[in-house]
N, C-alpha and C. Protein backbone atom coordinates (compact mmCIF):
# COMPACT_ATOMS: atom_id res chain seq x y z
N MET A 1 0.88 -1.10 0.00
CA MET A 1 -0.01 -0.02 0.02
C MET A 1 0.87 1.25 -0.03
N VAL A 2 0.44 2.26 -0.74
CA VAL A 2 1.21 3.48 -0.84
C VAL A 2 0.53 4.54 0.05
N GLU A 3 1.27 5.12 0.93
CA GLU A 3 0.72 6.32 1.67
C GLU A 3 0.96 7.57 0.91
N LEU A 4 -0.16 8.33 0.81
CA LEU A 4 -0.12 9.48 -0.08
C LEU A 4 -0.85 10.62 0.56
N ARG A 5 -0.24 11.90 0.52
CA ARG A 5 -1.00 12.96 0.90
C ARG A 5 -2.09 13.23 -0.03
N PRO A 6 -3.31 13.56 0.42
CA PRO A 6 -4.46 13.76 -0.58
C PRO A 6 -4.15 14.75 -1.64
N HIS A 7 -3.56 15.88 -1.35
CA HIS A 7 -3.30 16.92 -2.42
C HIS A 7 -2.32 16.40 -3.41
N HIS A 8 -1.45 15.46 -3.09
CA HIS A 8 -0.49 14.88 -4.11
C HIS A 8 -1.16 14.25 -5.29
N GLY A 9 -2.49 13.91 -5.16
CA GLY A 9 -3.26 13.41 -6.25
C GLY A 9 -3.25 14.52 -7.41
N LEU A 10 -3.33 15.72 -6.93
CA LEU A 10 -3.25 16.84 -7.91
C LEU A 10 -1.83 17.10 -8.46
N CYS A 11 -0.90 17.00 -7.55
CA CYS A 11 0.54 17.16 -7.95
C CYS A 11 0.90 16.13 -8.98
N ILE A 12 0.54 14.91 -8.75
CA ILE A 12 0.86 13.84 -9.61
C ILE A 12 0.09 14.07 -11.06
N ARG A 13 -1.09 14.49 -10.98
CA ARG A 13 -1.87 14.71 -12.22
C ARG A 13 -1.23 15.72 -13.06
N TYR A 14 -0.68 16.77 -12.53
CA TYR A 14 -0.11 17.89 -13.24
C TYR A 14 1.44 17.89 -13.41
N PHE A 15 2.03 16.94 -12.89
CA PHE A 15 3.54 16.85 -12.80
C PHE A 15 4.13 17.07 -14.22
N GLN A 16 5.10 17.86 -14.31
CA GLN A 16 5.79 18.18 -15.59
C GLN A 16 7.31 17.92 -15.55
N GLY A 17 7.85 17.27 -14.57
CA GLY A 17 9.24 16.98 -14.41
C GLY A 17 10.01 18.01 -13.68
N LYS A 18 9.28 18.91 -13.00
CA LYS A 18 9.93 19.93 -12.20
C LYS A 18 9.62 19.74 -10.79
N GLY A 19 10.53 20.17 -9.91
CA GLY A 19 10.26 20.01 -8.48
C GLY A 19 11.36 20.70 -7.66
N TYR A 20 11.33 20.33 -6.46
CA TYR A 20 12.19 21.01 -5.33
C TYR A 20 13.64 20.65 -5.60
N SER A 21 13.89 19.51 -6.01
CA SER A 21 15.33 18.95 -6.19
C SER A 21 15.30 17.86 -7.13
N PRO A 22 16.46 17.51 -7.64
CA PRO A 22 16.62 16.29 -8.53
C PRO A 22 16.10 15.01 -7.82
N GLU A 23 16.38 14.92 -6.57
CA GLU A 23 15.93 13.74 -5.76
C GLU A 23 14.41 13.70 -5.74
N PHE A 24 13.73 14.88 -5.48
CA PHE A 24 12.40 14.89 -5.44
C PHE A 24 11.72 14.53 -6.81
N VAL A 25 12.31 15.09 -7.89
CA VAL A 25 11.78 14.73 -9.21
C VAL A 25 11.86 13.22 -9.50
N ASN A 26 12.97 12.62 -9.13
CA ASN A 26 13.16 11.21 -9.34
C ASN A 26 12.13 10.48 -8.49
N ARG A 27 11.96 10.78 -7.28
CA ARG A 27 10.95 10.10 -6.43
C ARG A 27 9.57 10.29 -6.98
N MET A 28 9.20 11.38 -7.44
CA MET A 28 7.90 11.63 -8.14
C MET A 28 7.76 10.77 -9.29
N LEU A 29 8.75 10.66 -10.10
CA LEU A 29 8.70 9.70 -11.34
C LEU A 29 8.49 8.33 -10.93
N GLU A 30 9.23 7.88 -9.90
CA GLU A 30 9.08 6.55 -9.45
C GLU A 30 7.67 6.22 -8.93
N VAL A 31 7.12 7.10 -8.13
CA VAL A 31 5.82 6.92 -7.62
C VAL A 31 4.71 6.96 -8.69
N ILE A 32 4.80 7.90 -9.67
CA ILE A 32 3.92 7.98 -10.75
C ILE A 32 3.95 6.69 -11.61
N HIS A 33 5.16 6.20 -11.85
CA HIS A 33 5.26 4.94 -12.64
C HIS A 33 4.63 3.88 -11.98
N ARG A 34 4.82 3.71 -10.54
CA ARG A 34 4.24 2.66 -9.86
C ARG A 34 2.66 2.75 -9.90
N LEU A 35 2.19 3.85 -9.60
CA LEU A 35 0.70 4.07 -9.66
C LEU A 35 0.04 3.89 -11.02
N GLN A 36 0.77 4.34 -12.00
CA GLN A 36 0.20 4.15 -13.40
C GLN A 36 0.32 2.70 -13.84
N SER A 37 1.26 2.01 -13.41
CA SER A 37 1.41 0.62 -13.80
C SER A 37 0.49 -0.30 -13.08
N GLU A 38 0.05 0.21 -11.86
CA GLU A 38 -0.94 -0.60 -11.05
C GLU A 38 -2.11 0.28 -10.57
N PRO A 39 -3.04 0.61 -11.51
CA PRO A 39 -4.11 1.57 -11.16
C PRO A 39 -5.00 1.03 -10.02
N GLU A 40 -5.02 -0.27 -9.85
CA GLU A 40 -5.84 -0.79 -8.67
C GLU A 40 -5.11 -0.79 -7.39
N GLN A 41 -3.82 -0.32 -7.39
CA GLN A 41 -2.99 -0.24 -6.21
C GLN A 41 -3.77 0.56 -5.11
N LYS A 42 -3.82 -0.01 -3.94
CA LYS A 42 -4.47 0.67 -2.78
C LYS A 42 -3.53 1.72 -2.25
N ILE A 43 -4.08 2.83 -2.02
CA ILE A 43 -3.34 3.93 -1.32
C ILE A 43 -4.09 4.29 -0.02
N ARG A 44 -3.37 4.86 0.88
CA ARG A 44 -3.94 5.34 2.07
C ARG A 44 -3.70 6.74 2.17
N LEU A 45 -4.79 7.51 2.08
CA LEU A 45 -4.66 8.98 2.15
C LEU A 45 -4.38 9.43 3.55
N HIS A 46 -3.27 10.26 3.66
CA HIS A 46 -2.70 10.56 5.03
C HIS A 46 -2.27 12.02 4.94
N SER A 47 -2.79 12.78 5.80
CA SER A 47 -2.45 14.22 5.87
C SER A 47 -1.19 14.33 6.73
N GLY A 48 -0.06 14.06 6.16
CA GLY A 48 1.17 14.16 6.73
C GLY A 48 2.27 13.69 5.74
N ALA A 49 3.46 13.70 6.06
CA ALA A 49 4.51 13.27 5.23
C ALA A 49 4.31 11.91 4.57
N ASP A 50 4.61 11.78 3.26
CA ASP A 50 4.33 10.55 2.51
C ASP A 50 5.64 10.15 1.84
N VAL A 51 5.41 9.24 0.87
CA VAL A 51 6.58 8.68 0.02
C VAL A 51 7.19 9.85 -0.73
N LEU A 52 6.50 10.86 -1.19
CA LEU A 52 7.03 11.91 -1.90
C LEU A 52 7.75 12.95 -1.00
N CYS A 53 7.21 13.16 0.16
CA CYS A 53 7.77 14.17 1.01
C CYS A 53 9.23 13.77 1.44
N LYS A 54 9.56 12.54 1.50
CA LYS A 54 10.81 12.07 1.98
C LYS A 54 11.95 12.72 1.23
N CYS A 55 11.72 13.13 -0.01
CA CYS A 55 12.76 13.71 -0.83
C CYS A 55 12.58 15.22 -1.03
N CYS A 56 11.69 15.76 -0.32
CA CYS A 56 11.46 17.28 -0.44
C CYS A 56 12.30 17.94 0.61
N PRO A 57 13.08 19.00 0.12
CA PRO A 57 13.91 19.76 1.13
C PRO A 57 13.11 20.57 2.15
N ASN A 58 11.83 20.68 1.95
CA ASN A 58 10.94 21.46 2.94
C ASN A 58 10.40 20.58 3.92
N CYS A 59 10.62 19.25 3.90
CA CYS A 59 10.10 18.32 4.92
C CYS A 59 11.20 18.14 5.95
N HIS A 60 10.63 18.29 7.20
CA HIS A 60 11.49 18.19 8.28
C HIS A 60 10.93 17.10 9.23
N GLY A 61 11.55 15.87 9.19
CA GLY A 61 11.01 14.76 9.90
C GLY A 61 9.79 14.32 9.28
N LYS A 62 8.66 14.33 9.96
CA LYS A 62 7.31 13.85 9.41
C LYS A 62 6.43 14.96 9.00
N GLU A 63 6.92 16.18 9.04
CA GLU A 63 6.04 17.26 8.75
C GLU A 63 6.64 18.20 7.73
N CYS A 64 5.81 18.84 6.92
CA CYS A 64 6.35 19.88 5.99
C CYS A 64 6.44 21.20 6.71
N SER A 65 7.29 22.15 6.28
CA SER A 65 7.32 23.43 6.87
C SER A 65 6.15 24.23 6.37
N GLY A 66 5.51 24.95 7.24
CA GLY A 66 4.35 25.74 6.91
C GLY A 66 2.96 25.02 6.96
N GLU A 67 2.00 25.79 6.85
CA GLU A 67 0.55 25.25 7.05
C GLU A 67 -0.10 24.79 5.71
N LYS A 68 0.53 25.23 4.61
CA LYS A 68 -0.17 24.99 3.35
C LYS A 68 -0.45 23.54 2.97
N PRO A 69 0.55 22.61 3.12
CA PRO A 69 0.24 21.25 2.77
C PRO A 69 -0.98 20.64 3.48
N GLY A 70 -1.03 20.95 4.84
CA GLY A 70 -2.20 20.37 5.55
C GLY A 70 -3.50 20.94 5.21
N ARG A 71 -3.48 22.21 4.84
CA ARG A 71 -4.70 22.87 4.37
C ARG A 71 -5.10 22.27 2.91
N TYR A 72 -4.12 22.13 2.12
CA TYR A 72 -4.35 21.47 0.86
C TYR A 72 -5.09 20.07 0.98
N ASP A 73 -4.49 19.31 1.90
CA ASP A 73 -5.06 18.01 2.11
C ASP A 73 -6.42 18.05 2.66
N ARG A 74 -6.66 18.83 3.64
CA ARG A 74 -8.07 18.93 4.19
C ARG A 74 -9.13 19.34 3.13
N ILE A 75 -8.80 20.34 2.31
CA ILE A 75 -9.71 20.74 1.31
C ILE A 75 -9.98 19.65 0.31
N CYS A 76 -8.88 18.93 -0.14
CA CYS A 76 -8.92 17.90 -1.13
C CYS A 76 -9.86 16.82 -0.55
N LEU A 77 -9.66 16.41 0.74
CA LEU A 77 -10.49 15.36 1.21
C LEU A 77 -11.97 15.75 1.36
N VAL A 78 -12.18 17.03 1.75
CA VAL A 78 -13.65 17.44 1.87
C VAL A 78 -14.27 17.43 0.45
N LEU A 79 -13.54 17.93 -0.54
CA LEU A 79 -14.25 18.09 -1.85
C LEU A 79 -14.40 16.67 -2.46
N CYS A 80 -13.59 15.73 -2.07
CA CYS A 80 -13.70 14.33 -2.60
C CYS A 80 -14.63 13.46 -1.80
N GLY A 81 -15.03 13.97 -0.58
CA GLY A 81 -15.88 13.27 0.29
C GLY A 81 -15.19 12.15 1.03
N LEU A 82 -13.97 12.31 1.32
CA LEU A 82 -13.20 11.23 1.95
C LEU A 82 -12.62 11.72 3.36
N ASP A 83 -12.23 10.79 4.10
CA ASP A 83 -11.66 11.08 5.47
C ASP A 83 -10.19 10.83 5.47
N ASP A 84 -9.45 11.55 6.32
CA ASP A 84 -8.04 11.21 6.49
C ASP A 84 -7.87 9.72 6.97
N GLY A 85 -6.91 9.10 6.32
CA GLY A 85 -6.73 7.65 6.59
C GLY A 85 -7.51 6.72 5.64
N ALA A 86 -8.36 7.27 4.81
CA ALA A 86 -9.20 6.45 3.83
C ALA A 86 -8.19 5.59 2.98
N VAL A 87 -8.65 4.32 2.75
CA VAL A 87 -7.97 3.38 1.91
C VAL A 87 -8.87 3.28 0.64
N ILE A 88 -8.20 3.48 -0.57
CA ILE A 88 -9.00 3.52 -1.76
C ILE A 88 -7.99 3.16 -2.80
N SER A 89 -8.50 2.66 -4.02
CA SER A 89 -7.58 2.39 -5.07
C SER A 89 -7.13 3.78 -5.76
N TRP A 90 -5.93 3.61 -6.33
CA TRP A 90 -5.38 4.83 -7.08
C TRP A 90 -6.35 5.26 -8.16
N LYS A 91 -6.88 4.36 -8.89
CA LYS A 91 -7.82 4.61 -9.99
C LYS A 91 -9.08 5.37 -9.43
N GLU A 92 -9.58 4.84 -8.35
CA GLU A 92 -10.79 5.57 -7.77
C GLU A 92 -10.52 6.90 -7.21
N PHE A 93 -9.35 7.05 -6.69
CA PHE A 93 -9.00 8.36 -6.09
C PHE A 93 -8.76 9.39 -7.30
N CYS A 94 -8.20 8.90 -8.38
CA CYS A 94 -8.10 9.77 -9.56
C CYS A 94 -9.40 10.14 -10.12
N ARG A 95 -10.39 9.29 -10.11
CA ARG A 95 -11.72 9.55 -10.66
C ARG A 95 -12.37 10.69 -9.72
N LEU A 96 -12.14 10.49 -8.41
CA LEU A 96 -12.79 11.44 -7.45
C LEU A 96 -12.17 12.80 -7.66
N VAL A 97 -10.87 12.89 -7.73
CA VAL A 97 -10.23 14.17 -7.94
C VAL A 97 -10.66 14.84 -9.29
N GLU A 98 -10.76 14.03 -10.32
CA GLU A 98 -11.27 14.53 -11.64
C GLU A 98 -12.70 15.12 -11.50
N ASP A 99 -13.54 14.26 -10.90
CA ASP A 99 -14.94 14.59 -10.88
C ASP A 99 -15.28 15.79 -9.91
N HIS A 100 -14.58 15.83 -8.82
CA HIS A 100 -15.04 16.71 -7.71
C HIS A 100 -14.06 18.00 -7.57
N ILE A 101 -12.94 17.99 -8.26
CA ILE A 101 -12.01 19.00 -8.18
C ILE A 101 -11.60 19.60 -9.57
N ILE A 102 -11.17 18.81 -10.54
CA ILE A 102 -10.74 19.29 -11.77
C ILE A 102 -11.84 19.74 -12.65
N VAL A 103 -12.84 18.89 -12.96
CA VAL A 103 -13.94 19.25 -13.86
C VAL A 103 -14.75 20.44 -13.39
N PRO A 104 -15.08 20.56 -12.04
CA PRO A 104 -15.75 21.67 -11.59
C PRO A 104 -14.96 22.92 -11.41
N GLY A 105 -13.67 22.83 -11.75
CA GLY A 105 -12.86 24.03 -11.63
C GLY A 105 -12.41 24.47 -10.25
N LYS A 106 -12.17 23.44 -9.37
CA LYS A 106 -11.90 23.79 -7.99
C LYS A 106 -10.44 23.59 -7.63
N ARG A 107 -9.59 23.42 -8.56
CA ARG A 107 -8.22 23.08 -8.23
C ARG A 107 -7.56 24.36 -7.47
N ALA A 108 -7.86 25.49 -7.94
CA ALA A 108 -7.32 26.77 -7.27
C ALA A 108 -7.78 26.84 -5.90
N GLN A 109 -8.93 26.35 -5.57
CA GLN A 109 -9.52 26.35 -4.23
C GLN A 109 -8.72 25.48 -3.33
N VAL A 110 -8.19 24.40 -3.93
CA VAL A 110 -7.37 23.43 -3.06
C VAL A 110 -5.98 24.02 -2.93
N CYS A 111 -5.30 24.42 -3.97
CA CYS A 111 -3.84 24.73 -3.88
C CYS A 111 -3.45 25.87 -4.82
N GLY A 112 -4.38 26.82 -4.96
CA GLY A 112 -4.07 27.97 -5.83
C GLY A 112 -2.83 28.84 -5.40
N ASP A 113 -2.47 28.80 -4.08
CA ASP A 113 -1.35 29.55 -3.57
C ASP A 113 -0.03 28.76 -3.59
N CYS A 114 -0.05 27.63 -4.20
CA CYS A 114 1.13 26.78 -4.23
C CYS A 114 2.17 27.49 -5.11
N GLN A 115 3.49 27.33 -4.81
CA GLN A 115 4.45 27.94 -5.68
C GLN A 115 4.53 27.31 -7.12
N TRP A 116 3.98 26.09 -7.26
CA TRP A 116 4.01 25.45 -8.56
C TRP A 116 2.65 25.58 -9.25
N SER A 117 1.73 26.31 -8.75
CA SER A 117 0.37 26.45 -9.20
C SER A 117 0.37 26.85 -10.71
N ARG A 118 1.28 27.66 -11.18
CA ARG A 118 1.36 28.08 -12.61
C ARG A 118 1.48 26.98 -13.54
N LEU A 119 2.06 25.85 -13.11
CA LEU A 119 2.21 24.69 -13.97
C LEU A 119 0.90 23.91 -14.14
N CYS A 120 0.00 24.15 -13.21
CA CYS A 120 -1.27 23.35 -13.27
C CYS A 120 -2.45 24.09 -13.93
N ARG A 121 -2.15 25.23 -14.49
CA ARG A 121 -3.21 26.03 -15.13
C ARG A 121 -3.42 25.58 -16.62
């Protein structure tokens, strides 16, 4: 099972090979490959450091610096009708993100103040 921050469903969807560091980009590519090759892979949505955060220079221990990531996670969960700790397939999570955030135009509501937001427009 892959532990994943809820808002990382959006980061993965819009990923363009750019990131905080080469290590972070490589980790993102590894995780994307794993999830795309196994769409029925179960993920546990967790509002805290996950497999991607481990390579982020802004992650200190088990938490990211600042309040933004936690806020992004909470909004993403609410819009998708999920709870922190939910276990769901990657495919189903992508569908929920698409149906409840992307299609209705709510991405900016989740993470519009992210430093990478311009890549997601």
